[in-house]
N, C-alpha and C. Protein backbone atom coordinates (compact mmCIF):
# COMPACT_ATOMS: atom_id res chain seq x y z
N PRO A 1 94.44 -44.06 132.61
CA PRO A 1 93.05 -43.70 132.36
C PRO A 1 92.55 -44.17 131.00
N TRP A 2 93.41 -44.26 129.98
CA TRP A 2 92.94 -44.65 128.66
C TRP A 2 92.82 -46.16 128.53
N ILE A 3 93.31 -46.94 129.48
CA ILE A 3 93.11 -48.39 129.45
C ILE A 3 92.22 -48.80 130.61
N TYR A 4 91.28 -47.97 130.99
CA TYR A 4 90.48 -48.15 132.20
C TYR A 4 89.86 -49.54 132.29
N ASN A 5 89.24 -50.03 131.25
CA ASN A 5 88.56 -51.32 131.33
C ASN A 5 89.01 -52.33 130.28
N CYS A 6 90.13 -52.11 129.62
CA CYS A 6 90.47 -53.02 128.52
C CYS A 6 91.37 -54.19 128.88
N VAL A 7 92.04 -54.18 130.01
CA VAL A 7 92.96 -55.27 130.33
C VAL A 7 92.21 -56.34 131.09
N GLY A 8 92.15 -57.52 130.49
CA GLY A 8 91.47 -58.65 131.10
C GLY A 8 92.25 -59.92 130.85
N PHE A 9 91.59 -61.05 131.00
CA PHE A 9 92.26 -62.34 130.86
C PHE A 9 92.87 -62.51 129.48
N ALA A 10 92.15 -62.15 128.44
CA ALA A 10 92.59 -62.41 127.07
C ALA A 10 93.79 -61.56 126.66
N ASN A 11 93.96 -60.38 127.25
CA ASN A 11 95.06 -59.53 126.81
C ASN A 11 96.00 -59.11 127.95
N TYR A 12 95.92 -59.73 129.11
CA TYR A 12 96.81 -59.37 130.20
C TYR A 12 98.25 -59.71 129.88
N LYS A 13 98.48 -60.82 129.17
CA LYS A 13 99.85 -61.18 128.79
C LYS A 13 100.45 -60.08 127.92
N PHE A 14 99.67 -59.56 126.98
CA PHE A 14 100.17 -58.53 126.08
C PHE A 14 100.44 -57.23 126.83
N PHE A 15 99.60 -56.90 127.79
CA PHE A 15 99.82 -55.73 128.63
C PHE A 15 101.09 -55.91 129.46
N PHE A 16 101.26 -57.09 130.04
CA PHE A 16 102.44 -57.40 130.85
C PHE A 16 103.70 -57.29 129.99
N LEU A 17 103.65 -57.83 128.77
CA LEU A 17 104.80 -57.75 127.87
C LEU A 17 105.06 -56.31 127.43
N LEU A 18 104.00 -55.51 127.24
CA LEU A 18 104.19 -54.10 126.92
C LEU A 18 104.98 -53.40 128.03
N LEU A 19 104.63 -53.68 129.27
CA LEU A 19 105.38 -53.10 130.38
C LEU A 19 106.82 -53.60 130.39
N PHE A 20 107.01 -54.88 130.14
CA PHE A 20 108.36 -55.46 130.13
C PHE A 20 109.21 -54.81 129.03
N TYR A 21 108.67 -54.73 127.81
CA TYR A 21 109.40 -54.11 126.70
C TYR A 21 109.68 -52.64 126.98
N SER A 22 108.72 -51.94 127.58
CA SER A 22 108.92 -50.52 127.89
C SER A 22 110.02 -50.33 128.92
N VAL A 23 110.04 -51.16 129.94
CA VAL A 23 111.09 -51.07 130.96
C VAL A 23 112.45 -51.33 130.33
N MET A 24 112.55 -52.36 129.51
CA MET A 24 113.83 -52.68 128.86
C MET A 24 114.29 -51.53 127.96
N ASP A 25 113.38 -50.99 127.15
CA ASP A 25 113.75 -49.90 126.23
C ASP A 25 114.14 -48.64 126.99
N LEU A 26 113.38 -48.28 128.02
CA LEU A 26 113.70 -47.07 128.77
C LEU A 26 115.04 -47.18 129.48
N HIS A 27 115.33 -48.35 130.04
CA HIS A 27 116.63 -48.52 130.69
C HIS A 27 117.76 -48.49 129.67
N LEU A 28 117.54 -49.05 128.49
CA LEU A 28 118.54 -48.98 127.42
C LEU A 28 118.80 -47.53 127.04
N ILE A 29 117.75 -46.73 126.90
CA ILE A 29 117.90 -45.32 126.55
C ILE A 29 118.65 -44.56 127.64
N VAL A 30 118.26 -44.76 128.89
CA VAL A 30 118.90 -44.03 130.00
C VAL A 30 120.38 -44.36 130.07
N TRP A 31 120.72 -45.63 130.02
CA TRP A 31 122.12 -46.01 130.23
C TRP A 31 122.99 -45.73 129.02
N THR A 32 122.44 -45.79 127.82
CA THR A 32 123.27 -45.47 126.65
C THR A 32 123.36 -43.97 126.40
N LEU A 33 122.36 -43.21 126.81
CA LEU A 33 122.40 -41.76 126.64
C LEU A 33 123.29 -41.09 127.68
N ALA A 34 123.65 -41.80 128.72
CA ALA A 34 124.51 -41.24 129.77
C ALA A 34 125.86 -40.84 129.18
N GLU A 35 126.36 -41.60 128.23
CA GLU A 35 127.63 -41.25 127.58
C GLU A 35 127.52 -39.94 126.81
N SER A 36 126.40 -39.73 126.13
CA SER A 36 126.19 -38.48 125.39
C SER A 36 126.08 -37.29 126.34
N VAL A 37 125.45 -37.48 127.47
CA VAL A 37 125.35 -36.41 128.48
C VAL A 37 126.74 -36.05 128.99
N MET A 38 127.54 -37.05 129.28
CA MET A 38 128.90 -36.79 129.76
C MET A 38 129.73 -36.06 128.69
N ARG A 39 129.55 -36.41 127.43
CA ARG A 39 130.27 -35.75 126.34
C ARG A 39 129.83 -34.29 126.22
N CYS A 40 128.52 -34.03 126.40
CA CYS A 40 128.04 -32.64 126.35
C CYS A 40 128.63 -31.80 127.48
N ILE A 41 128.81 -32.41 128.65
CA ILE A 41 129.37 -31.69 129.79
C ILE A 41 130.86 -31.45 129.60
N ASP A 42 131.57 -32.44 129.07
CA ASP A 42 133.03 -32.36 128.94
C ASP A 42 133.48 -31.42 127.82
N GLU A 43 132.72 -31.31 126.75
CA GLU A 43 133.12 -30.47 125.61
C GLU A 43 132.45 -29.10 125.71
N PRO A 44 133.22 -28.06 125.88
CA PRO A 44 132.64 -26.72 126.01
C PRO A 44 132.10 -26.17 124.69
N THR A 45 132.42 -26.78 123.59
CA THR A 45 131.97 -26.27 122.28
C THR A 45 130.63 -26.85 121.84
N THR A 46 129.98 -27.62 122.70
CA THR A 46 128.69 -28.21 122.34
C THR A 46 127.65 -27.11 122.20
N PRO A 47 126.89 -27.11 121.08
CA PRO A 47 125.84 -26.10 120.91
C PRO A 47 124.76 -26.24 121.99
N PHE A 48 124.14 -25.09 122.31
CA PHE A 48 123.14 -25.07 123.37
C PHE A 48 121.95 -25.98 123.04
N VAL A 49 121.48 -25.97 121.81
CA VAL A 49 120.32 -26.78 121.43
C VAL A 49 120.63 -28.26 121.60
N THR A 50 121.80 -28.70 121.20
CA THR A 50 122.19 -30.11 121.37
C THR A 50 122.25 -30.47 122.85
N MET A 51 122.85 -29.57 123.65
CA MET A 51 122.95 -29.83 125.09
C MET A 51 121.56 -29.88 125.73
N PHE A 52 120.70 -28.94 125.38
CA PHE A 52 119.36 -28.91 125.94
C PHE A 52 118.58 -30.17 125.58
N LEU A 53 118.60 -30.56 124.30
CA LEU A 53 117.86 -31.75 123.87
C LEU A 53 118.40 -33.02 124.51
N THR A 54 119.71 -33.10 124.68
CA THR A 54 120.31 -34.29 125.31
C THR A 54 119.90 -34.37 126.78
N PHE A 55 120.00 -33.26 127.51
CA PHE A 55 119.61 -33.25 128.92
C PHE A 55 118.12 -33.50 129.09
N PHE A 56 117.31 -32.89 128.23
CA PHE A 56 115.86 -33.07 128.30
C PHE A 56 115.49 -34.54 128.04
N THR A 57 116.11 -35.13 127.02
CA THR A 57 115.82 -36.53 126.69
C THR A 57 116.24 -37.46 127.83
N GLU A 58 117.42 -37.20 128.38
CA GLU A 58 117.90 -38.05 129.49
C GLU A 58 117.01 -37.91 130.72
N THR A 59 116.59 -36.71 131.04
CA THR A 59 115.73 -36.47 132.20
C THR A 59 114.37 -37.14 132.01
N LEU A 60 113.78 -36.94 130.84
CA LEU A 60 112.48 -37.55 130.55
C LEU A 60 112.56 -39.07 130.58
N ALA A 61 113.60 -39.63 129.96
CA ALA A 61 113.77 -41.09 129.94
C ALA A 61 113.99 -41.63 131.35
N PHE A 62 114.74 -40.89 132.17
CA PHE A 62 115.00 -41.34 133.54
C PHE A 62 113.71 -41.40 134.35
N PHE A 63 112.91 -40.33 134.30
CA PHE A 63 111.67 -40.31 135.08
C PHE A 63 110.68 -41.37 134.58
N LEU A 64 110.57 -41.52 133.27
CA LEU A 64 109.70 -42.58 132.73
C LEU A 64 110.20 -43.95 133.13
N ALA A 65 111.52 -44.15 133.11
CA ALA A 65 112.08 -45.45 133.49
C ALA A 65 111.75 -45.78 134.95
N VAL A 66 111.86 -44.78 135.83
CA VAL A 66 111.54 -45.02 137.24
C VAL A 66 110.07 -45.37 137.41
N LEU A 67 109.19 -44.58 136.79
CA LEU A 67 107.75 -44.82 136.94
C LEU A 67 107.31 -46.15 136.34
N VAL A 68 107.75 -46.43 135.12
CA VAL A 68 107.32 -47.67 134.45
C VAL A 68 107.93 -48.88 135.14
N THR A 69 109.16 -48.76 135.66
CA THR A 69 109.76 -49.87 136.40
C THR A 69 108.98 -50.17 137.67
N MET A 70 108.55 -49.13 138.37
CA MET A 70 107.74 -49.35 139.58
C MET A 70 106.39 -49.97 139.21
N PHE A 71 105.78 -49.50 138.15
CA PHE A 71 104.49 -50.05 137.70
C PHE A 71 104.64 -51.51 137.28
N PHE A 72 105.72 -51.82 136.57
CA PHE A 72 105.99 -53.21 136.16
C PHE A 72 106.26 -54.08 137.39
N GLY A 73 107.00 -53.55 138.36
CA GLY A 73 107.24 -54.30 139.60
C GLY A 73 105.93 -54.59 140.33
N PHE A 74 105.01 -53.62 140.34
CA PHE A 74 103.70 -53.82 140.95
C PHE A 74 102.94 -54.95 140.25
N HIS A 75 103.00 -55.00 138.92
CA HIS A 75 102.30 -56.05 138.20
C HIS A 75 102.98 -57.41 138.35
N ILE A 76 104.28 -57.43 138.52
CA ILE A 76 104.96 -58.69 138.85
C ILE A 76 104.46 -59.19 140.20
N TRP A 77 104.34 -58.29 141.16
CA TRP A 77 103.84 -58.66 142.49
C TRP A 77 102.40 -59.16 142.40
N LEU A 78 101.56 -58.45 141.63
CA LEU A 78 100.17 -58.91 141.45
C LEU A 78 100.12 -60.29 140.82
N MET A 79 100.95 -60.52 139.80
CA MET A 79 100.97 -61.82 139.14
C MET A 79 101.43 -62.91 140.11
N SER A 80 102.41 -62.62 140.96
CA SER A 80 102.89 -63.62 141.91
C SER A 80 101.84 -63.97 142.96
N ARG A 81 100.89 -63.07 143.20
CA ARG A 81 99.82 -63.29 144.18
C ARG A 81 98.50 -63.72 143.53
N ALA A 82 98.47 -63.79 142.19
CA ALA A 82 97.25 -64.15 141.44
C ALA A 82 96.11 -63.19 141.75
N MET A 83 96.43 -61.89 141.70
CA MET A 83 95.42 -60.87 141.97
C MET A 83 95.31 -59.93 140.77
N THR A 84 94.14 -59.36 140.63
CA THR A 84 93.95 -58.29 139.66
C THR A 84 94.08 -56.96 140.38
N THR A 85 94.14 -55.87 139.63
CA THR A 85 94.23 -54.56 140.28
C THR A 85 92.96 -54.25 141.05
N ILE A 86 91.82 -54.74 140.56
CA ILE A 86 90.56 -54.51 141.28
C ILE A 86 90.58 -55.25 142.62
N GLU A 87 91.06 -56.50 142.62
CA GLU A 87 91.17 -57.24 143.89
C GLU A 87 92.13 -56.53 144.84
N PHE A 88 93.23 -56.00 144.30
CA PHE A 88 94.18 -55.27 145.14
C PHE A 88 93.51 -54.05 145.77
N CYS A 89 92.75 -53.31 144.97
CA CYS A 89 92.07 -52.12 145.51
C CYS A 89 91.03 -52.50 146.55
N GLU A 90 90.31 -53.60 146.32
CA GLU A 90 89.31 -54.04 147.30
C GLU A 90 89.97 -54.49 148.59
N LYS A 91 91.13 -55.15 148.50
CA LYS A 91 91.81 -55.62 149.69
C LYS A 91 92.57 -54.51 150.40
N SER A 92 92.81 -53.40 149.72
CA SER A 92 93.55 -52.31 150.37
C SER A 92 92.65 -51.47 151.28
N LEU A 93 91.34 -51.60 151.13
CA LEU A 93 90.42 -50.89 152.00
C LEU A 93 89.99 -51.81 153.14
N PRO A 94 90.28 -51.45 154.39
CA PRO A 94 89.84 -52.31 155.49
C PRO A 94 88.31 -52.29 155.60
N LYS A 95 87.75 -53.46 155.90
CA LYS A 95 86.29 -53.57 155.99
C LYS A 95 85.76 -52.97 157.29
N LYS A 96 86.51 -53.09 158.37
CA LYS A 96 86.09 -52.58 159.67
C LYS A 96 87.22 -51.74 160.25
N GLU A 97 86.89 -50.93 161.24
CA GLU A 97 87.89 -50.11 161.91
C GLU A 97 88.96 -51.00 162.53
N GLY A 98 90.21 -50.67 162.28
CA GLY A 98 91.31 -51.38 162.90
C GLY A 98 91.63 -52.72 162.27
N GLU A 99 90.90 -53.13 161.24
CA GLU A 99 91.16 -54.42 160.59
C GLU A 99 92.36 -54.28 159.67
N ALA A 100 93.23 -55.26 159.68
CA ALA A 100 94.44 -55.22 158.86
C ALA A 100 94.11 -55.54 157.41
N ARG A 101 94.96 -55.05 156.52
CA ARG A 101 94.80 -55.36 155.09
C ARG A 101 95.37 -56.73 154.82
N ASN A 102 94.70 -57.49 153.96
CA ASN A 102 95.12 -58.86 153.70
C ASN A 102 95.42 -59.03 152.22
N TYR A 103 96.71 -58.91 151.88
CA TYR A 103 97.14 -59.09 150.50
C TYR A 103 97.66 -60.51 150.25
N GLU A 104 97.77 -61.29 151.28
CA GLU A 104 98.47 -62.57 151.18
C GLU A 104 97.64 -63.70 150.59
N SER A 105 96.32 -63.61 150.64
CA SER A 105 95.54 -64.76 150.21
C SER A 105 94.74 -64.43 148.96
N SER A 106 94.68 -65.41 148.07
CA SER A 106 93.85 -65.31 146.88
C SER A 106 93.29 -66.70 146.61
N VAL A 107 92.06 -66.75 146.22
CA VAL A 107 91.41 -68.02 145.95
C VAL A 107 92.07 -68.73 144.78
N TYR A 108 92.62 -67.95 143.84
CA TYR A 108 93.16 -68.51 142.61
C TYR A 108 94.67 -68.68 142.63
N ASP A 109 95.31 -68.52 143.79
CA ASP A 109 96.77 -68.61 143.89
C ASP A 109 97.23 -70.04 143.63
N LEU A 110 98.11 -70.20 142.63
CA LEU A 110 98.66 -71.51 142.28
C LEU A 110 100.15 -71.59 142.58
N GLY A 111 100.68 -70.67 143.36
CA GLY A 111 102.11 -70.61 143.59
C GLY A 111 102.76 -69.75 142.52
N LEU A 112 104.03 -69.41 142.71
CA LEU A 112 104.70 -68.50 141.79
C LEU A 112 104.76 -69.06 140.37
N ALA A 113 105.17 -70.32 140.21
CA ALA A 113 105.27 -70.90 138.87
C ALA A 113 103.89 -71.06 138.23
N GLY A 114 102.91 -71.51 138.98
CA GLY A 114 101.56 -71.67 138.44
C GLY A 114 100.92 -70.35 138.05
N ASN A 115 101.13 -69.32 138.86
CA ASN A 115 100.59 -68.00 138.53
C ASN A 115 101.26 -67.42 137.29
N THR A 116 102.56 -67.65 137.15
CA THR A 116 103.27 -67.16 135.97
C THR A 116 102.76 -67.87 134.73
N ARG A 117 102.55 -69.19 134.82
CA ARG A 117 102.00 -69.93 133.67
C ARG A 117 100.58 -69.48 133.36
N ALA A 118 99.81 -69.13 134.38
CA ALA A 118 98.43 -68.68 134.15
C ALA A 118 98.39 -67.36 133.40
N VAL A 119 99.42 -66.53 133.53
CA VAL A 119 99.44 -65.24 132.84
C VAL A 119 100.17 -65.33 131.51
N LEU A 120 101.34 -65.96 131.49
CA LEU A 120 102.20 -65.95 130.29
C LEU A 120 102.04 -67.17 129.40
N GLY A 121 101.33 -68.19 129.84
CA GLY A 121 101.13 -69.38 129.02
C GLY A 121 101.97 -70.54 129.53
N ASN A 122 101.69 -71.72 129.00
CA ASN A 122 102.36 -72.93 129.48
C ASN A 122 103.75 -73.11 128.90
N ASN A 123 104.01 -72.61 127.69
CA ASN A 123 105.30 -72.80 127.03
C ASN A 123 106.26 -71.71 127.47
N MET A 124 107.29 -72.09 128.23
CA MET A 124 108.25 -71.14 128.77
C MET A 124 109.05 -70.43 127.68
N LEU A 125 109.27 -71.10 126.56
CA LEU A 125 110.04 -70.50 125.47
C LEU A 125 109.30 -69.33 124.82
N LEU A 126 108.00 -69.28 124.97
CA LEU A 126 107.19 -68.22 124.34
C LEU A 126 106.73 -67.16 125.33
N TRP A 127 107.23 -67.18 126.55
CA TRP A 127 106.79 -66.23 127.57
C TRP A 127 107.05 -64.78 127.17
N PHE A 128 108.18 -64.51 126.53
CA PHE A 128 108.55 -63.12 126.24
C PHE A 128 108.19 -62.70 124.82
N PHE A 129 107.36 -63.48 124.16
CA PHE A 129 106.90 -63.14 122.82
C PHE A 129 105.37 -62.98 122.85
N PRO A 130 104.85 -62.06 122.06
CA PRO A 130 103.39 -61.82 122.09
C PRO A 130 102.61 -62.87 121.29
N CYS A 131 102.73 -64.10 121.70
CA CYS A 131 101.96 -65.20 121.11
C CYS A 131 101.70 -66.22 122.21
N SER A 132 101.04 -67.29 121.89
CA SER A 132 100.78 -68.36 122.86
C SER A 132 100.02 -67.83 124.08
N ARG A 133 98.74 -67.62 123.88
CA ARG A 133 97.90 -67.15 124.98
C ARG A 133 97.79 -68.21 126.07
N PRO A 134 97.47 -67.80 127.29
CA PRO A 134 97.27 -68.79 128.36
C PRO A 134 96.01 -69.61 128.10
N THR A 135 95.99 -70.82 128.62
CA THR A 135 94.84 -71.69 128.42
C THR A 135 93.68 -71.23 129.28
N GLY A 136 92.48 -71.47 128.81
CA GLY A 136 91.28 -71.12 129.56
C GLY A 136 90.48 -70.04 128.87
N ASP A 137 89.37 -69.70 129.50
CA ASP A 137 88.49 -68.67 128.93
C ASP A 137 88.39 -67.44 129.83
N GLY A 138 89.03 -67.46 130.98
CA GLY A 138 88.99 -66.31 131.88
C GLY A 138 87.82 -66.32 132.83
N LEU A 139 86.89 -67.24 132.66
CA LEU A 139 85.73 -67.31 133.55
C LEU A 139 85.76 -68.55 134.43
N ASN A 140 86.28 -69.64 133.89
CA ASN A 140 86.34 -70.90 134.62
C ASN A 140 87.79 -71.30 134.78
N PHE A 141 88.21 -71.55 136.01
CA PHE A 141 89.57 -71.94 136.29
C PHE A 141 89.53 -73.31 136.93
N MET A 142 90.20 -74.27 136.30
CA MET A 142 90.14 -75.65 136.77
C MET A 142 91.51 -76.08 137.30
N SER A 143 91.51 -76.54 138.52
CA SER A 143 92.69 -77.15 139.12
C SER A 143 92.19 -78.23 140.05
N ASP A 144 93.11 -78.90 140.73
CA ASP A 144 92.68 -79.96 141.66
C ASP A 144 91.78 -79.40 142.74
N GLU A 145 92.11 -78.21 143.24
CA GLU A 145 91.30 -77.62 144.31
C GLU A 145 89.91 -77.25 143.80
N THR A 146 89.82 -76.68 142.61
CA THR A 146 88.51 -76.26 142.12
C THR A 146 87.64 -77.45 141.76
N ARG A 147 88.23 -78.55 141.33
CA ARG A 147 87.44 -79.76 141.06
C ARG A 147 86.78 -80.24 142.34
N LEU A 148 87.54 -80.28 143.42
CA LEU A 148 87.00 -80.71 144.71
C LEU A 148 85.91 -79.76 145.17
N THR A 149 86.14 -78.47 145.02
CA THR A 149 85.15 -77.48 145.42
C THR A 149 83.87 -77.63 144.63
N LYS A 150 83.98 -77.86 143.32
CA LYS A 150 82.78 -78.02 142.50
C LYS A 150 81.99 -79.26 142.92
N ASP A 151 82.71 -80.35 143.22
CA ASP A 151 82.03 -81.56 143.67
C ASP A 151 81.28 -81.30 144.98
N LEU A 152 81.91 -80.61 145.89
CA LEU A 152 81.25 -80.31 147.17
C LEU A 152 80.06 -79.39 146.96
N GLU A 153 80.22 -78.37 146.12
CA GLU A 153 79.12 -77.44 145.88
C GLU A 153 77.94 -78.12 145.22
N SER A 154 78.21 -79.04 144.29
CA SER A 154 77.10 -79.73 143.64
C SER A 154 76.34 -80.59 144.64
N GLY A 155 77.05 -81.21 145.58
CA GLY A 155 76.37 -81.99 146.60
C GLY A 155 75.54 -81.12 147.52
N LYS A 156 76.07 -79.95 147.89
CA LYS A 156 75.31 -79.03 148.73
C LYS A 156 74.07 -78.54 148.01
N GLY A 157 74.20 -78.29 146.72
CA GLY A 157 73.06 -77.80 145.95
C GLY A 157 71.94 -78.82 145.93
N ILE A 158 72.27 -80.10 145.81
CA ILE A 158 71.24 -81.15 145.79
C ILE A 158 70.55 -81.21 147.15
N ARG A 159 71.33 -81.16 148.23
CA ARG A 159 70.73 -81.19 149.56
C ARG A 159 69.86 -79.97 149.80
N ARG A 160 70.30 -78.85 149.33
CA ARG A 160 69.54 -77.63 149.54
C ARG A 160 68.19 -77.74 148.84
N ARG A 161 68.18 -78.24 147.60
CA ARG A 161 66.92 -78.35 146.88
C ARG A 161 65.98 -79.34 147.57
N THR A 162 66.51 -80.47 148.05
CA THR A 162 65.69 -81.44 148.75
C THR A 162 65.15 -80.84 150.03
N HIS A 163 66.00 -80.12 150.73
CA HIS A 163 65.59 -79.49 151.98
C HIS A 163 64.44 -78.51 151.73
N GLN A 164 64.51 -77.76 150.65
CA GLN A 164 63.45 -76.79 150.36
C GLN A 164 62.14 -77.50 150.04
N ARG A 165 62.18 -78.64 149.39
CA ARG A 165 60.94 -79.34 149.05
C ARG A 165 60.22 -79.84 150.30
N THR A 166 60.96 -80.33 151.30
CA THR A 166 60.29 -80.85 152.49
C THR A 166 59.76 -79.71 153.36
N GLN A 167 60.39 -78.54 153.32
CA GLN A 167 59.95 -77.44 154.16
C GLN A 167 58.82 -76.63 153.52
N ARG A 168 58.76 -76.61 152.20
CA ARG A 168 57.74 -75.80 151.53
C ARG A 168 56.91 -76.69 150.61
N PRO A 169 55.83 -77.23 151.12
CA PRO A 169 54.98 -78.07 150.26
C PRO A 169 54.24 -77.20 149.26
N PRO A 170 53.87 -77.75 148.12
CA PRO A 170 53.12 -76.96 147.14
C PRO A 170 51.79 -76.54 147.71
N ARG A 171 51.36 -75.34 147.40
CA ARG A 171 50.07 -74.83 147.89
C ARG A 171 48.94 -75.45 147.11
N GLN A 172 47.91 -75.77 147.79
CA GLN A 172 46.71 -76.31 147.15
C GLN A 172 45.85 -75.16 146.63
N PRO A 173 45.19 -75.35 145.50
CA PRO A 173 44.29 -74.28 145.04
C PRO A 173 43.17 -74.08 146.05
N GLY A 174 42.88 -72.84 146.30
CA GLY A 174 41.82 -72.52 147.25
C GLY A 174 42.32 -72.35 148.67
N ASN A 175 43.59 -72.74 148.96
CA ASN A 175 44.16 -72.52 150.29
C ASN A 175 44.40 -71.04 150.49
N PRO A 176 44.10 -70.51 151.66
CA PRO A 176 44.38 -69.09 151.90
C PRO A 176 45.89 -68.87 151.99
N ASP A 177 46.27 -67.65 151.72
CA ASP A 177 47.68 -67.29 151.83
C ASP A 177 48.09 -67.35 153.29
N LEU A 178 49.14 -68.12 153.58
CA LEU A 178 49.56 -68.34 154.96
C LEU A 178 50.08 -67.06 155.61
N ARG A 179 50.58 -66.11 154.80
CA ARG A 179 51.12 -64.88 155.38
C ARG A 179 50.02 -63.93 155.83
N LEU A 180 48.84 -64.11 155.36
CA LEU A 180 47.77 -63.17 155.70
C LEU A 180 46.86 -63.67 156.82
N GLY A 181 47.38 -64.46 157.72
CA GLY A 181 46.61 -64.88 158.88
C GLY A 181 45.78 -66.12 158.65
N GLY A 182 46.10 -66.92 157.65
CA GLY A 182 45.37 -68.16 157.39
C GLY A 182 45.76 -69.22 158.39
N PRO A 183 45.28 -70.43 158.24
CA PRO A 183 45.63 -71.50 159.18
C PRO A 183 47.12 -71.80 159.14
N PHE A 184 47.65 -72.18 160.30
CA PHE A 184 49.07 -72.49 160.39
C PHE A 184 49.32 -73.85 159.76
N TYR A 185 50.48 -73.97 159.14
CA TYR A 185 50.86 -75.23 158.52
C TYR A 185 51.82 -75.95 159.45
N SER A 186 51.58 -77.21 159.70
CA SER A 186 52.44 -77.99 160.54
C SER A 186 53.14 -79.05 159.70
N ALA A 187 54.47 -79.10 159.78
CA ALA A 187 55.24 -80.10 159.04
C ALA A 187 54.93 -81.49 159.59
N ALA A 188 54.48 -81.60 160.85
CA ALA A 188 54.16 -82.91 161.43
C ALA A 188 52.96 -83.51 160.76
N ALA A 189 52.09 -82.69 160.15
CA ALA A 189 50.91 -83.22 159.49
C ALA A 189 51.29 -84.04 158.27
N ASP A 190 52.43 -83.77 157.66
CA ASP A 190 52.88 -84.56 156.51
C ASP A 190 53.23 -85.98 156.90
N TYR A 191 53.67 -86.17 158.13
CA TYR A 191 54.13 -87.48 158.56
C TYR A 191 53.06 -88.26 159.31
N ALA A 192 51.93 -87.70 159.55
CA ALA A 192 50.88 -88.38 160.31
C ALA A 192 50.10 -89.35 159.44
């Protein structure tokens, strides 16, 4: 709840690394504290406060490790699919009754390696360090597919504008409004 709207393109790598570091630290705490828990159980002379704090710390670290590991796994899955959490939530709600959920397709999917580079940056040696942001601005994504799409869209836009000019001639001053029962306009009159 406290990071409701702050994770975006510019800081997603840092959020991802925060989860990675948290998972590593929590697992280190759980597995190294297990020896202290066993020592508290084996030695009957352990003071109650020491035993309580050791068990409490191990229990808390274990539950946090499970939760944060699952959350990190979810974000690894999102990164592999090139989806944001908002896209995941939108795709988890079926649009019509009986329609299946579709998590498999994303417009921005570049494959596992491409999606990882898009989040962690191009330099593999710097993936696990909080530096080397990914290239881009977060609004425009350029790849071979998007270049082709932009070329097609620009061509459609030109045709659409030309099409609108032939269908809607400029109104002459003094012409009555055609919607209010004025004379009908015939496109054939332009060609006569």
